[in-house]
C-alpha cells in the first residue's frame, strides 16, 4: 500500500473522509434530482396518455355517472 501512496494511485486514509455537511448536501441534491425526474416522467406520461386517447378516440369518462350539483339555499336571506 505504501508503494501506491507514493505513486498517488491508492488514496490515503485522510482523503477518504467525507464531511457530514457535504454528505447532507449530496443526499439532498440526489433526492431533488430523483423527485424532479419522477415528476417530469409523470407529466410526460399523462400528456402522452391524453394524446393517445385523442388519437384513438377513447373517452375514459364515457360510462361514468355524473351527479348533479347540489345548491343549498338559505331561505332566511330572501
C-alpha atoms as a PDB file:
ATOM      1  CA  UNK A   1       0.000   0.000   0.000  1.00  0.00           C
ATOM      2  CA  UNK A   2       2.929   2.301   0.667  1.00  0.00           C
ATOM      3  CA  UNK A   3       4.039   1.982  -2.948  1.00  0.00           C
ATOM      4  CA  UNK A   4       0.609   3.038  -4.189  1.00  0.00           C
ATOM      5  CA  UNK A   5       0.645   6.070  -1.876  1.00  0.00           C
ATOM      6  CA  UNK A   6       3.950   7.211  -3.314  1.00  0.00           C
ATOM      7  CA  UNK A   7       2.642   6.992  -6.854  1.00  0.00           C
ATOM      8  CA  UNK A   8      -0.711   8.530  -5.941  1.00  0.00           C
ATOM      9  CA  UNK A   9      -2.825   5.645  -7.240  1.00  0.00           C
ATOM     10  CA  UNK A  10      -4.201   4.468  -3.886  1.00  0.00           C
ATOM     11  CA  UNK A  11      -5.914   7.206  -1.853  1.00  0.00           C
ATOM     12  CA  UNK A  12      -4.624   7.803   1.630  1.00  0.00           C
ATOM     13  CA  UNK A  13      -6.823   7.307   4.667  1.00  0.00           C
ATOM     14  CA  UNK A  14      -7.210  11.050   5.246  1.00  0.00           C
ATOM     15  CA  UNK A  15      -8.517  11.537   1.695  1.00  0.00           C
ATOM     16  CA  UNK A  16     -11.424   9.179   2.400  1.00  0.00           C
ATOM     17  CA  UNK A  17     -13.026  11.485   4.999  1.00  0.00           C
ATOM     18  CA  UNK A  18     -16.361  12.938   3.891  1.00  0.00           C
ATOM     19  CA  UNK A  19     -17.709  15.908   5.796  1.00  0.00           C
ATOM     20  CA  UNK A  20     -21.250  15.380   7.189  1.00  0.00           C
ATOM     21  CA  UNK A  21     -22.377  18.679   5.661  1.00  0.00           C
ATOM     22  CA  UNK A  22     -21.149  17.608   2.244  1.00  0.00           C
ATOM     23  CA  UNK A  23     -22.942  14.288   2.642  1.00  0.00           C
ATOM     24  CA  UNK A  24     -26.162  16.061   3.573  1.00  0.00           C
ATOM     25  CA  UNK A  25     -25.912  18.371   0.561  1.00  0.00           C
ATOM     26  CA  UNK A  26     -25.123  15.415  -1.699  1.00  0.00           C
ATOM     27  CA  UNK A  27     -28.110  13.384  -0.463  1.00  0.00           C
ATOM     28  CA  UNK A  28     -30.420  16.402  -0.740  1.00  0.00           C
ATOM     29  CA  UNK A  29     -29.245  17.058  -4.290  1.00  0.00           C
ATOM     30  CA  UNK A  30     -29.692  13.434  -5.327  1.00  0.00           C
ATOM     31  CA  UNK A  31     -33.171  13.342  -3.747  1.00  0.00           C
ATOM     32  CA  UNK A  32     -34.152  16.535  -5.564  1.00  0.00           C
ATOM     33  CA  UNK A  33     -32.950  15.180  -8.881  1.00  0.00           C
ATOM     34  CA  UNK A  34     -34.828  11.896  -8.396  1.00  0.00           C
ATOM     35  CA  UNK A  35     -38.035  13.746  -7.459  1.00  0.00           C
ATOM     36  CA  UNK A  36     -37.715  16.142 -10.413  1.00  0.00           C
ATOM     37  CA  UNK A  37     -37.137  13.284 -12.867  1.00  0.00           C
ATOM     38  CA  UNK A  38     -40.088  11.389 -11.410  1.00  0.00           C
ATOM     39  CA  UNK A  39     -42.396  14.404 -11.630  1.00  0.00           C
ATOM     40  CA  UNK A  40     -41.311  15.059 -15.211  1.00  0.00           C
ATOM     41  CA  UNK A  41     -41.948  11.425 -16.118  1.00  0.00           C
ATOM     42  CA  UNK A  42     -45.461  11.585 -14.627  1.00  0.00           C
ATOM     43  CA  UNK A  43     -46.289  14.788 -16.511  1.00  0.00           C
ATOM     44  CA  UNK A  44     -44.972  13.380 -19.792  1.00  0.00           C
ATOM     45  CA  UNK A  45     -46.850  10.099 -19.229  1.00  0.00           C
ATOM     46  CA  UNK A  46     -50.132  11.935 -18.656  1.00  0.00           C
ATOM     47  CA  UNK A  47     -49.599  14.074 -21.766  1.00  0.00           C
ATOM     48  CA  UNK A  48     -48.818  11.001 -23.869  1.00  0.00           C
ATOM     49  CA  UNK A  49     -51.821   9.151 -22.446  1.00  0.00           C
ATOM     50  CA  UNK A  50     -54.106  12.098 -23.216  1.00  0.00           C
ATOM     51  CA  UNK A  51     -52.718  12.404 -26.756  1.00  0.00           C
ATOM     52  CA  UNK A  52     -53.155   8.669 -27.365  1.00  0.00           C
ATOM     53  CA  UNK A  53     -56.756   8.870 -26.108  1.00  0.00           C
ATOM     54  CA  UNK A  54     -57.454  11.701 -28.557  1.00  0.00           C
ATOM     55  CA  UNK A  55     -55.898   9.842 -31.485  1.00  0.00           C
ATOM     56  CA  UNK A  56     -57.708   6.587 -30.679  1.00  0.00           C
ATOM     57  CA  UNK A  57     -60.992   8.403 -29.925  1.00  0.00           C
ATOM     58  CA  UNK A  58     -61.160   6.916 -26.462  1.00  0.00           C
ATOM     59  CA  UNK A  59     -63.213   8.692 -23.794  1.00  0.00           C
ATOM     60  CA  UNK A  60     -62.409   7.499 -20.286  1.00  0.00           C
ATOM     61  CA  UNK A  61     -65.478   9.278 -18.876  1.00  0.00           C
ATOM     62  CA  UNK A  62     -67.947   7.639 -21.267  1.00  0.00           C
ATOM     63  CA  UNK A  63     -69.512   5.172 -18.802  1.00  0.00           C
ATOM     64  CA  UNK A  64     -69.249   7.266 -15.644  1.00  0.00           C
ATOM     65  CA  UNK A  65     -72.295   8.675 -13.907  1.00  0.00           C
ATOM     66  CA  UNK A  66     -72.236  12.376 -13.197  1.00  0.00           C
ATOM     67  CA  UNK A  67     -74.102  13.662 -10.178  1.00  0.00           C
ATOM     68  CA  UNK A  68     -75.885  16.937 -10.426  1.00  0.00           C
ATOM     69  CA  UNK A  69     -74.671  19.873  -8.363  1.00  0.00           C
ATOM     70  CA  UNK A  70     -76.312  20.416  -5.001  1.00  0.00           C
ATOM     71  CA  UNK A  71     -77.195  24.032  -4.307  1.00  0.00           C
ATOM     72  CA  UNK A  72     -78.048  24.880  -0.723  1.00  0.00           C
ATOM     73  CA  UNK A  73     -80.163  27.964  -0.453  1.00  0.00           C
ATOM     74  CA  UNK A  74     -80.849  29.789   2.787  1.00  0.00           C
ATOM     75  CA  UNK A  75     -84.484  30.917   2.817  1.00  0.00           C
ATOM     76  CA  UNK A  76     -83.895  33.332   5.694  1.00  0.00           C
ATOM     77  CA  UNK A  77     -81.835  35.669   3.496  1.00  0.00           C
ATOM     78  CA  UNK A  78     -84.562  36.065   0.843  1.00  0.00           C
END
